[in-house]
Structure formats: structure tokens, C-alpha cells
Amino acid sequence: MPTATTSRIEELQKALQVKSAEAERISQTFKVEDGGQFVVSTEQAREFRKVSGEAQEIKALIDAEQGLTEIKQYLEAPESAPAAASHYGQRPMGVEEKSLGDLFVESGSFQSATAQHFRDKPYIRADIEGKSIFSLSAGTVTHQTLGSAQNLGITERPFRKFHIRDLFPKSTTKNAVLYGARETGWTNNARQVKERYAADGTSPATGADTDTWGRAPRSKLTLTPVMYPVAEVAHLLDAHKNILSDEPRLKTFINTRMVEGVKYAEDWDLLHSVGDGQSLTGIYNTPGVQQYTGIATDQYSVQIRRSITKALLAEYDPTGIVLSPTMWEHVEVEEDKNGAFRVAIAVAIGAEKKVWRLNVVETTAMADTDFLIGAFGLGAQLHDRENVSVTVSSENAENYEKGLITFRADERLALEVPRPESFVIGTWTQPAG
């Protein structure tokens, strides 16, 4: 990274620390009433939002500086096919895609263990940064193969499975427990204020000495303190030791079994987990989430639109929708009166996964009876404590006798839901016609 860019980023990081400390100071002035509820005045809320907004702008500048550095590095790379990032995991030509399985077999631990025929290390561990297991790199395309290079010809471009976590902006934490506030009520008393009023404070001014200056009404924001634990999602799977010598099969095993197993459990927990102080509290079990039941006179896509309205009436803009694969099929194959598809308007090339401008995640963790819309990132935030990792060990139970190895995939994360009203749980109703 160039020295000038590094210096700018360091200055911005110092400014961000100052804003963070200022926000902490303001939060300490919030009043706590009997029963543990926060009461925040309009002035306090306005000042806190102002500082938070300034902190977000500084963070955006840091991201922009880091992005500019990546662009400079790309421009300095050898000429080759352009490496434009693609949407939702589509890989453009000339771009190298690496999954967790790729990173695992290319890691120093795996290469060292391979050189020693897996005799010198009891376990191997590899992990990956970020919200997903998808990454792109510029420059010359490389192919990781066993032995000499082999040209396999044209292959289908891979598509990364979209999960609920992909609806959230990236966020990380270094703490074991998060402490926050959940908005449970807001009384908005904002109105026009005249310069002067009569003595009663509401009637028009009379010009007498008893007239008073206009005073802005006081709004009220009610908050409840909430603890958000960092929970672990993990599973084990045994395999024969020979898989370590078969790199392509090992990559597939890690990506499709170990990692996707964790991701599916994560999808389910983000929706349905019952918090007990150590586990996540899923959105379905968060107090204050709105409910909507469709009506038979509406098609499925219209039922989604009406649930969006409920969130908008609560002053929140939804950003995503979660539904089951079966119900997404119903939505996509809806036809208008002329027999044309209403949602999937570009069937030949694959319609974009959106409905009513919302990104769509289809997951079997969602029942066919329900769907969820919400403001991901504003109304709820996912914080990564430890990104998904895979550990391999031969030291487990009877592995030596049976020639087995044990894989362990795990991650640690926390789910914060400060604005439950920004989410609406919808119940499907089968259209009448």
C-alpha cells in the first residue's frame, strides 16, 4: 500500500476513534428509568445520530481509500482479461475464484502436511475472511491441479449460493457479548413553531408583555437495554484419510458439506433460534416484529408488496426478503392476464433475484407457510466474531484404527435487532384464482 494512502487511512482511523468516543459520551447521558428502560430526549437522539452519521462518513472514506489502493494494484497487474467483479457469485472470464476449499488445500499447513504425508501434524486448520466464501482476484488466471496442467475445456460458470447473511453489510466484533439498546417506542411531536405565542403558549401572540417565545415540542424515544451473545455454530464429519490426497474431492467436500452445513444452520438460527443467554435470538422470536397475513384476492407477489407497506408505515425501508424455494417458484411463475410472467421477465438468461426492488434469499430454513421482509443492516445487524473455519484432525476416538480423519467446521457470530418493527413476518394465503 502506498505510504501516502497509508497515512490518510491512519488519519481517518484516528478521526473515527474520536467520533466513537464522542458517541460513547453521549450514550452515557441517556436516562435509565425504573424497569431498565432508556429514555432519550429528542436533543440527545439528534446529537447521537449526528455523531453516528459523521462516524459512518469517515468509515466510508476509509473503505474508499482502501478500494482505491486495490484499483491501483489491479492497474499495475500484467495485462489480461478484465477482472470486473460479478453479481451474486457469477464469475467473469479471466477472473480467478477461490473458495474455502481452494484456500484450504493451498494453505501452508496443508502443503506442509502433504510434504510429510500427513505424519507430522495432528490437525490442519484453514479459515476465510468476510461475509461469504466468495472472492475475486485480478491478473493472470491460474489453475490449481494435481501434477501437470490439464485443459478441461469450457465449463459452466459457478454460482455461489446466496444466504441470509449476504443481506447484511459486513460487520465484525472482538467481544464475546454485545450490549445494545432496542427501540420499543417513539412519539413524534415535531410541528411548526411560531416565534411568539400568547401567555398560554398555544394561542396567537397578542403583542402584550405576557407573550412568550415559541418552544419546540418534546418527542420521546423509548429504548430497552438488550444483551446479544456471540454464539458458535459448528459440526463434525468423519471421512477416510485418503480424501486428503485427493485435492479436487477435498475442496468439494469442504465447500459443499462442511461450509454449507454451517451456513444452513446459520440461516435457520437467524430466523428461528430461541435465545437463552448463550444462543442467538432469531428474528421470529424477537419482540416487536410485525405480522402480516395475506388475503386470497391477492397473488403471492402482491402479498409481499402489502407486507412491505407495513414496514414503510413504521418508517423503515426494507432491503431484503427471505422465503422458501417452493414459494419463490410460485412467485416467479406468476402470470398476468396475457400469460406473461410477472416477476421473471428475463427467463432465457435468468431473471435477477429481486421482487419489488428487494434482494431475495431462498432457503429451506424458511417454511413454505411464511416469508420475511425487513431492513437488513438498519433494523438488524450480523456481527462476525470468528469467520467460518475448517479444522482437520486424525486425533479423535478410533480414527487411527479405522483410517479416519475428523473435519470440524465452525463460526462465531452475534445477531443484533435494535429495530424490530423494521421486520414483517408474512403468512402466505393461497390465491383464490
Protein backbone atom coordinates (compact mmCIF):
# COMPACT_ATOMS: atom_id res chain seq x y z
CA MET A 1 0.00 0.00 0.00
CA PRO A 2 1.48 3.42 -0.90
CA THR A 3 2.79 5.50 2.02
CA ALA A 4 0.52 8.48 1.26
CA THR A 5 -2.57 6.26 1.19
CA THR A 6 -1.50 4.56 4.43
CA SER A 7 -1.08 7.95 6.11
CA ARG A 8 -4.56 9.08 5.01
CA ILE A 9 -6.13 5.89 6.29
CA GLU A 10 -4.36 6.25 9.64
CA GLU A 11 -5.60 9.84 9.98
CA LEU A 12 -9.15 8.75 9.16
CA GLN A 13 -8.94 5.91 11.67
CA LYS A 14 -7.87 8.36 14.38
CA ALA A 15 -10.80 10.63 13.49
CA LEU A 16 -13.13 7.61 13.65
CA GLN A 17 -11.86 6.78 17.14
CA VAL A 18 -12.62 10.35 18.25
CA LYS A 19 -16.18 10.13 16.91
CA SER A 20 -16.64 6.74 18.57
CA ALA A 21 -15.55 8.18 21.93
CA GLU A 22 -17.93 11.14 21.45
CA ALA A 23 -20.83 8.78 20.71
CA GLU A 24 -19.97 6.81 23.86
CA ARG A 25 -20.01 10.04 25.89
CA ILE A 26 -23.45 10.97 24.58
CA SER A 27 -24.83 7.49 25.29
CA GLN A 28 -23.72 7.82 28.92
CA THR A 29 -26.14 10.76 29.31
CA PHE A 30 -29.17 8.62 28.46
CA LYS A 31 -31.56 8.35 31.39
CA VAL A 32 -32.40 4.92 32.76
CA GLU A 33 -35.83 4.68 34.40
CA ASP A 34 -37.11 2.07 36.82
CA GLY A 35 -37.55 -1.20 34.98
CA GLY A 36 -34.34 -0.79 32.96
CA GLN A 37 -35.80 1.31 30.13
CA PHE A 38 -33.80 4.04 28.41
CA VAL A 39 -35.50 7.41 27.90
CA VAL A 40 -33.72 9.59 25.35
CA SER A 41 -34.67 13.18 24.65
CA THR A 42 -35.05 14.46 21.11
CA GLU A 43 -31.93 16.62 21.54
CA GLN A 44 -29.88 13.66 22.75
CA ALA A 45 -31.14 11.47 19.93
CA ARG A 46 -30.41 14.19 17.34
CA GLU A 47 -26.86 14.71 18.66
CA PHE A 48 -26.24 10.96 18.82
CA ARG A 49 -27.49 10.45 15.24
CA LYS A 50 -25.32 13.38 14.06
CA VAL A 51 -22.17 11.90 15.58
CA SER A 52 -23.06 8.42 14.31
CA GLY A 53 -23.62 9.80 10.81
CA GLU A 54 -20.26 11.56 10.86
CA ALA A 55 -18.60 8.32 12.02
CA GLN A 56 -20.25 6.42 9.16
CA GLU A 57 -18.99 9.02 6.66
CA ILE A 58 -15.44 8.62 7.98
CA LYS A 59 -15.78 4.83 7.75
CA ALA A 60 -16.97 5.21 4.13
CA LEU A 61 -13.90 7.32 3.35
CA ILE A 62 -11.64 4.62 4.84
CA ASP A 63 -13.35 1.99 2.67
CA ALA A 64 -12.97 4.25 -0.38
CA GLU A 65 -9.24 4.76 0.28
CA GLN A 66 -8.72 1.01 0.66
CA GLY A 67 -10.72 0.39 -2.50
CA LEU A 68 -8.60 2.93 -4.40
CA THR A 69 -5.48 1.04 -3.34
CA GLU A 70 -6.94 -2.20 -4.72
CA ILE A 71 -7.72 -0.43 -8.01
CA LYS A 72 -4.14 0.84 -8.24
CA GLN A 73 -2.82 -2.66 -7.61
CA TYR A 74 -5.09 -4.01 -10.31
CA LEU A 75 -3.97 -1.40 -12.85
CA GLU A 76 -0.35 -2.31 -12.15
CA ALA A 77 -1.02 -6.02 -12.75
CA PRO A 78 0.02 -7.68 -16.08
CA GLU A 79 -2.42 -7.11 -18.92
CA SER A 80 -5.06 -9.81 -19.22
CA ALA A 81 -8.82 -10.17 -19.46
CA PRO A 82 -10.63 -7.60 -17.27
CA ALA A 83 -11.45 -8.76 -13.75
CA ALA A 84 -14.74 -6.97 -13.20
CA ALA A 85 -16.48 -8.26 -10.11
CA SER A 86 -19.71 -10.06 -10.84
CA HIS A 87 -23.03 -10.08 -9.04
CA TYR A 88 -24.10 -12.87 -6.71
CA GLY A 89 -21.17 -15.14 -7.45
CA GLN A 90 -21.10 -15.13 -11.25
CA ARG A 91 -17.50 -15.47 -12.42
CA PRO A 92 -16.43 -13.39 -15.43
CA MET A 93 -13.83 -14.77 -17.82
CA GLY A 94 -10.26 -14.06 -16.81
CA VAL A 95 -11.05 -13.96 -13.09
CA GLU A 96 -9.87 -16.47 -10.54
CA GLU A 97 -12.41 -17.58 -7.95
CA LYS A 98 -11.24 -19.21 -4.74
CA SER A 99 -13.49 -20.94 -2.27
CA LEU A 100 -12.66 -22.05 1.24
CA GLY A 101 -11.77 -25.45 -0.21
CA ASP A 102 -9.24 -23.81 -2.55
CA LEU A 103 -7.72 -21.80 0.28
CA PHE A 104 -7.56 -24.90 2.47
CA VAL A 105 -5.54 -27.02 0.04
CA GLU A 106 -3.31 -24.02 -0.80
CA SER A 107 -2.64 -23.18 2.85
CA GLY A 108 0.82 -23.57 4.30
CA SER A 109 -0.44 -26.07 6.87
CA PHE A 110 -1.93 -28.37 4.23
CA GLN A 111 1.09 -28.11 1.93
CA SER A 112 3.45 -28.86 4.81
CA ALA A 113 1.36 -31.81 5.93
CA THR A 114 1.21 -33.10 2.36
CA ALA A 115 5.00 -32.99 2.07
CA GLN A 116 5.25 -35.13 5.21
CA HIS A 117 2.47 -37.47 4.05
CA PHE A 118 0.30 -36.14 6.90
CA ARG A 119 2.56 -37.69 9.54
CA ASP A 120 3.93 -34.57 11.26
CA LYS A 121 0.76 -32.65 12.17
CA PRO A 122 -2.19 -33.89 14.24
CA TYR A 123 -4.52 -31.31 12.68
CA ILE A 124 -4.79 -28.74 9.89
CA ARG A 125 -6.85 -25.56 10.10
CA ALA A 126 -7.90 -23.02 7.49
CA ASP A 127 -10.31 -20.11 7.66
CA ILE A 128 -11.50 -17.26 5.46
CA GLU A 129 -12.29 -13.59 5.97
CA GLY A 130 -15.54 -11.90 5.07
CA LYS A 131 -19.26 -12.44 4.85
CA SER A 132 -19.08 -15.34 2.42
CA ILE A 133 -16.70 -17.80 0.79
CA PHE A 134 -16.56 -15.89 -2.50
CA SER A 135 -13.56 -13.81 -3.55
CA LEU A 136 -12.10 -12.46 -6.77
CA SER A 137 -8.54 -11.57 -7.76
CA ALA A 138 -7.19 -9.73 -10.79
CA GLY A 139 -4.32 -10.66 -13.07
CA THR A 140 -3.46 -13.85 -14.89
CA VAL A 141 -5.81 -16.80 -14.47
CA THR A 142 -4.23 -19.75 -12.64
CA HIS A 143 -5.46 -23.33 -12.34
CA GLN A 144 -4.60 -25.45 -9.32
CA THR A 145 -4.16 -29.04 -10.49
CA LEU A 146 -2.52 -32.28 -9.42
CA GLY A 147 0.67 -32.90 -11.40
CA SER A 148 0.93 -31.34 -14.84
CA ALA A 149 -1.60 -28.87 -16.25
CA GLN A 150 -4.65 -30.32 -17.91
CA ASN A 151 -7.02 -28.35 -20.11
CA LEU A 152 -10.58 -29.40 -19.36
CA GLY A 153 -12.15 -27.09 -21.93
CA ILE A 154 -15.16 -24.87 -21.37
CA THR A 155 -17.03 -25.39 -18.11
CA GLU A 156 -20.20 -23.91 -16.72
CA ARG A 157 -19.65 -20.77 -14.67
CA PRO A 158 -20.19 -21.42 -10.95
CA PHE A 159 -22.88 -19.74 -8.91
CA ARG A 160 -22.42 -19.15 -5.20
CA LYS A 161 -25.44 -19.99 -3.09
CA PHE A 162 -26.99 -16.89 -1.55
CA HIS A 163 -27.57 -16.99 2.23
CA ILE A 164 -29.37 -14.73 4.70
CA ARG A 165 -26.03 -13.32 5.92
CA ASP A 166 -25.46 -11.86 2.45
CA LEU A 167 -28.32 -9.42 3.04
CA PHE A 168 -26.33 -7.81 5.88
CA PRO A 169 -23.47 -5.34 5.42
CA LYS A 170 -20.13 -6.64 6.71
CA SER A 171 -19.54 -6.16 10.44
CA THR A 172 -17.09 -7.75 12.87
CA THR A 173 -16.59 -7.72 16.63
CA LYS A 174 -13.81 -8.73 19.01
CA ASN A 175 -16.08 -9.12 22.04
CA ALA A 176 -17.79 -12.18 23.49
CA VAL A 177 -21.02 -10.33 24.38
CA LEU A 178 -22.60 -7.24 22.78
CA TYR A 179 -24.64 -4.75 24.78
CA GLY A 180 -27.10 -2.55 22.96
CA ALA A 181 -30.49 -0.84 23.05
CA ARG A 182 -33.68 -1.92 21.32
CA GLU A 183 -36.19 0.71 20.21
CA THR A 184 -39.60 -0.09 21.73
CA GLY A 185 -41.46 3.17 21.20
CA TRP A 186 -41.28 6.54 19.51
CA THR A 187 -43.60 9.51 19.96
CA ASN A 188 -43.01 12.11 17.25
CA ASN A 189 -44.29 15.52 18.34
CA ALA A 190 -42.48 17.58 15.72
CA ARG A 191 -44.52 20.53 14.38
CA GLN A 192 -44.19 24.11 13.19
CA VAL A 193 -43.18 26.56 15.93
CA LYS A 194 -44.01 30.26 15.75
CA GLU A 195 -41.66 32.85 17.13
CA ARG A 196 -44.09 34.10 19.80
CA TYR A 197 -47.31 32.91 21.43
CA ALA A 198 -49.76 34.27 23.97
CA ALA A 199 -49.18 33.60 27.66
CA ASP A 200 -50.76 30.15 27.43
CA GLY A 201 -48.08 29.05 24.93
CA THR A 202 -50.57 27.95 22.26
CA SER A 203 -52.75 30.94 21.31
CA PRO A 204 -51.55 33.58 18.78
CA ALA A 205 -49.37 36.35 20.18
CA THR A 206 -51.21 39.48 21.37
CA GLY A 207 -48.26 41.88 21.47
CA ALA A 208 -48.54 42.21 25.25
CA ASP A 209 -45.65 41.79 27.65
CA THR A 210 -47.18 38.48 28.70
CA ASP A 211 -46.43 36.91 25.29
CA THR A 212 -43.90 34.06 25.38
CA TRP A 213 -41.32 32.74 22.95
CA GLY A 214 -42.32 29.69 20.96
CA ARG A 215 -40.98 26.42 22.30
CA ALA A 216 -40.48 23.26 20.25
CA PRO A 217 -42.45 20.26 21.50
CA ARG A 218 -40.54 17.36 23.02
CA SER A 219 -40.61 13.97 21.30
CA LYS A 220 -39.89 10.75 23.15
CA LEU A 221 -37.83 7.71 22.21
CA THR A 222 -38.12 4.63 24.43
CA LEU A 223 -35.29 2.11 24.43
CA THR A 224 -34.76 -1.18 26.22
CA PRO A 225 -31.24 -2.47 27.00
CA VAL A 226 -30.52 -5.84 25.37
CA MET A 227 -27.64 -8.30 25.64
CA TYR A 228 -26.60 -10.02 22.39
CA PRO A 229 -24.43 -13.12 22.97
CA VAL A 230 -21.82 -14.33 20.49
CA ALA A 231 -22.85 -17.88 19.61
CA GLU A 232 -20.96 -20.69 17.90
CA VAL A 233 -22.31 -22.74 15.00
CA ALA A 234 -20.34 -25.94 14.38
CA HIS A 235 -20.49 -29.55 13.23
CA LEU A 236 -18.23 -32.61 12.81
CA LEU A 237 -17.92 -35.07 9.96
CA ASP A 238 -15.70 -38.13 9.58
CA ALA A 239 -14.06 -39.15 6.31
CA HIS A 240 -11.43 -41.65 5.21
CA LYS A 241 -7.86 -40.37 5.34
CA ASN A 242 -7.47 -40.95 1.60
CA ILE A 243 -9.51 -37.82 0.91
CA LEU A 244 -6.51 -35.72 2.00
CA SER A 245 -4.60 -36.98 -1.03
CA ASP A 246 -7.38 -36.11 -3.46
CA GLU A 247 -7.38 -32.31 -3.72
CA PRO A 248 -10.42 -31.81 -6.03
CA ARG A 249 -12.56 -34.12 -3.91
CA LEU A 250 -11.28 -32.46 -0.72
CA LYS A 251 -12.24 -28.98 -2.00
CA THR A 252 -15.74 -30.17 -2.87
CA PHE A 253 -16.09 -31.92 0.48
CA ILE A 254 -15.15 -28.76 2.40
CA ASN A 255 -17.29 -26.40 0.33
CA THR A 256 -20.46 -28.46 -0.08
CA ARG A 257 -20.54 -30.41 3.17
CA MET A 258 -18.62 -28.62 5.88
CA VAL A 259 -19.17 -24.98 4.96
CA GLU A 260 -22.71 -25.28 3.61
CA GLY A 261 -23.67 -27.28 6.69
CA VAL A 262 -22.69 -24.33 8.86
CA LYS A 263 -24.41 -21.87 6.52
CA TYR A 264 -27.69 -23.76 6.56
CA ALA A 265 -27.67 -23.91 10.37
CA GLU A 266 -26.86 -20.20 10.40
CA ASP A 267 -29.87 -19.46 8.15
CA TRP A 268 -32.14 -21.40 10.49
CA ASP A 269 -30.76 -19.77 13.63
CA LEU A 270 -31.06 -16.23 12.25
CA LEU A 271 -34.73 -16.94 11.70
CA HIS A 272 -35.87 -19.32 14.45
CA SER A 273 -33.29 -19.62 17.25
CA VAL A 274 -34.71 -19.17 20.76
CA GLY A 275 -32.30 -17.06 22.77
CA ASP A 276 -31.33 -18.35 26.21
CA GLY A 277 -28.45 -16.03 27.07
CA GLN A 278 -25.87 -18.11 25.18
CA SER A 279 -27.58 -18.67 21.82
CA LEU A 280 -28.87 -16.24 19.21
CA THR A 281 -32.39 -14.85 19.37
CA GLY A 282 -33.76 -15.29 15.86
CA ILE A 283 -35.90 -12.63 14.21
CA TYR A 284 -39.02 -14.80 14.60
CA ASN A 285 -38.55 -14.75 18.41
CA THR A 286 -37.65 -11.07 18.74
CA PRO A 287 -40.36 -8.98 20.47
CA GLY A 288 -41.83 -6.20 18.35
CA VAL A 289 -41.56 -7.82 14.91
CA GLN A 290 -44.67 -7.09 12.84
CA GLN A 291 -47.03 -9.73 11.44
CA TYR A 292 -48.94 -9.85 8.15
CA THR A 293 -51.42 -12.39 6.74
CA GLY A 294 -52.14 -12.36 3.02
CA ILE A 295 -55.62 -12.32 1.54
CA ALA A 296 -56.97 -14.74 -1.06
CA THR A 297 -57.73 -11.99 -3.59
CA ASP A 298 -54.01 -11.17 -3.91
CA GLN A 299 -51.35 -13.06 -5.85
CA TYR A 300 -48.23 -14.06 -3.90
CA SER A 301 -46.18 -11.14 -5.23
CA VAL A 302 -48.94 -8.73 -4.15
CA GLN A 303 -48.93 -10.22 -0.65
CA ILE A 304 -45.22 -9.42 -0.48
CA ARG A 305 -45.91 -5.84 -1.54
CA ARG A 306 -48.55 -5.34 1.14
CA SER A 307 -46.18 -6.59 3.83
CA ILE A 308 -43.60 -4.08 2.59
CA THR A 309 -46.16 -1.35 3.23
CA LYS A 310 -46.40 -2.36 6.91
CA ALA A 311 -42.66 -1.77 7.32
CA LEU A 312 -42.85 1.53 5.41
CA LEU A 313 -45.67 2.75 7.68
CA ALA A 314 -43.29 2.18 10.59
CA GLU A 315 -40.77 4.49 8.83
CA TYR A 316 -38.39 1.76 7.68
CA ASP A 317 -37.29 0.86 4.16
CA PRO A 318 -36.99 -2.94 3.70
CA THR A 319 -33.92 -4.18 1.83
CA GLY A 320 -34.44 -7.94 1.52
CA ILE A 321 -36.89 -10.82 1.55
CA VAL A 322 -36.41 -14.41 2.73
CA LEU A 323 -38.68 -17.22 1.55
CA SER A 324 -38.61 -20.93 0.80
CA PRO A 325 -37.52 -22.30 -2.62
CA THR A 326 -41.03 -23.65 -3.19
CA MET A 327 -42.70 -20.28 -2.61
CA TRP A 328 -40.08 -18.42 -4.66
CA GLU A 329 -41.01 -20.73 -7.51
CA HIS A 330 -44.68 -19.75 -7.08
CA VAL A 331 -43.73 -16.07 -7.16
CA GLU A 332 -41.50 -16.41 -10.21
CA VAL A 333 -44.02 -18.35 -12.30
CA GLU A 334 -46.92 -15.99 -11.64
CA GLU A 335 -48.57 -14.94 -14.90
CA ASP A 336 -50.53 -11.88 -15.83
CA LYS A 337 -53.79 -11.95 -17.80
CA ASN A 338 -51.85 -12.28 -21.04
CA GLY A 339 -49.90 -15.34 -19.90
CA ALA A 340 -46.63 -13.45 -19.39
CA PHE A 341 -44.52 -13.94 -16.30
CA ARG A 342 -44.97 -11.06 -13.86
CA VAL A 343 -41.68 -11.35 -11.93
CA ALA A 344 -39.27 -13.44 -14.05
CA ILE A 345 -39.22 -11.17 -17.09
CA ALA A 346 -35.91 -12.47 -18.48
CA VAL A 347 -36.32 -16.24 -18.23
CA ALA A 348 -33.92 -17.10 -21.07
CA ILE A 349 -30.88 -15.55 -19.39
CA GLY A 350 -32.05 -15.90 -15.78
CA ALA A 351 -34.07 -13.16 -14.15
CA GLU A 352 -32.45 -11.10 -11.40
CA LYS A 353 -33.31 -12.38 -7.93
CA LYS A 354 -35.39 -9.41 -6.89
CA VAL A 355 -39.04 -8.69 -6.25
CA TRP A 356 -40.38 -5.18 -5.59
CA ARG A 357 -36.77 -3.95 -5.63
CA LEU A 358 -35.81 -6.24 -2.74
CA ASN A 359 -32.97 -8.78 -2.87
CA VAL A 360 -34.28 -12.33 -2.48
CA VAL A 361 -32.81 -15.19 -0.48
CA GLU A 362 -34.46 -18.59 -0.91
CA THR A 363 -33.59 -21.07 1.81
CA THR A 364 -35.03 -24.34 3.07
CA ALA A 365 -34.65 -22.92 6.58
CA MET A 366 -37.87 -20.99 5.83
CA ALA A 367 -41.16 -22.89 5.94
CA ASP A 368 -43.44 -22.87 2.89
CA THR A 369 -46.09 -21.13 5.00
CA ASP A 370 -44.10 -17.97 5.77
CA PHE A 371 -41.85 -15.26 4.39
CA LEU A 372 -39.84 -12.45 5.96
CA ILE A 373 -39.13 -8.92 4.76
CA GLY A 374 -37.00 -6.40 6.61
CA ALA A 375 -34.39 -3.66 6.76
CA PHE A 376 -31.22 -5.73 6.96
CA GLY A 377 -28.38 -3.60 8.30
CA LEU A 378 -30.61 -0.85 9.76
CA GLY A 379 -33.17 -2.90 11.67
CA ALA A 380 -30.79 -5.79 12.37
CA GLN A 381 -27.06 -6.39 12.09
CA LEU A 382 -24.96 -9.54 11.91
CA HIS A 383 -21.58 -9.34 13.67
CA ASP A 384 -18.84 -11.89 12.91
CA ARG A 385 -16.60 -12.83 15.84
CA GLU A 386 -14.83 -15.72 14.09
CA ASN A 387 -15.36 -16.40 10.39
CA VAL A 388 -16.14 -19.88 9.15
CA SER A 389 -13.15 -22.19 9.62
CA VAL A 390 -12.41 -25.84 8.92
CA THR A 391 -10.13 -27.94 11.14
CA VAL A 392 -8.95 -31.44 10.25
CA SER A 393 -7.53 -33.83 12.83
CA SER A 394 -6.57 -37.50 12.96
CA GLU A 395 -6.51 -37.48 16.78
CA ASN A 396 -10.11 -38.38 17.57
CA ALA A 397 -11.66 -41.51 19.11
CA GLU A 398 -10.87 -44.60 16.95
CA ASN A 399 -9.68 -42.68 13.90
CA TYR A 400 -6.25 -44.36 13.89
CA GLU A 401 -7.70 -47.87 13.89
CA LYS A 402 -10.27 -47.10 11.21
CA GLY A 403 -8.09 -44.91 8.99
CA LEU A 404 -10.40 -41.91 9.50
CA ILE A 405 -9.94 -38.19 9.95
CA THR A 406 -12.40 -35.78 11.55
CA PHE A 407 -13.41 -32.44 9.99
CA ARG A 408 -14.77 -29.64 12.19
CA ALA A 409 -16.37 -26.54 10.67
CA ASP A 410 -17.30 -23.66 12.95
CA GLU A 411 -18.00 -19.94 13.19
CA ARG A 412 -18.97 -17.46 15.92
CA LEU A 413 -21.42 -14.62 15.37
CA ALA A 414 -23.96 -12.37 17.06
CA LEU A 415 -27.33 -11.08 15.81
CA GLU A 416 -28.40 -7.60 16.90
CA VAL A 417 -32.00 -6.49 16.31
CA PRO A 418 -32.31 -2.87 17.52
CA ARG A 419 -35.44 -2.02 15.47
CA PRO A 420 -37.83 -4.99 15.41
CA GLU A 421 -40.60 -3.01 13.67
CA SER A 422 -38.47 -2.90 10.53
CA PHE A 423 -39.21 -6.62 10.03
CA VAL A 424 -42.50 -8.18 8.96
CA ILE A 425 -43.24 -11.90 9.17
CA GLY A 426 -45.75 -12.72 6.45
CA THR A 427 -48.10 -15.70 6.32
CA TRP A 428 -48.97 -16.83 2.80
CA THR A 429 -52.59 -17.22 1.76
CA GLN A 430 -53.23 -19.25 -1.39
CA PRO A 431 -54.71 -17.00 -4.09
CA ALA A 432 -58.31 -17.79 -4.96
CA GLY A 433 -57.87 -17.58 -8.69
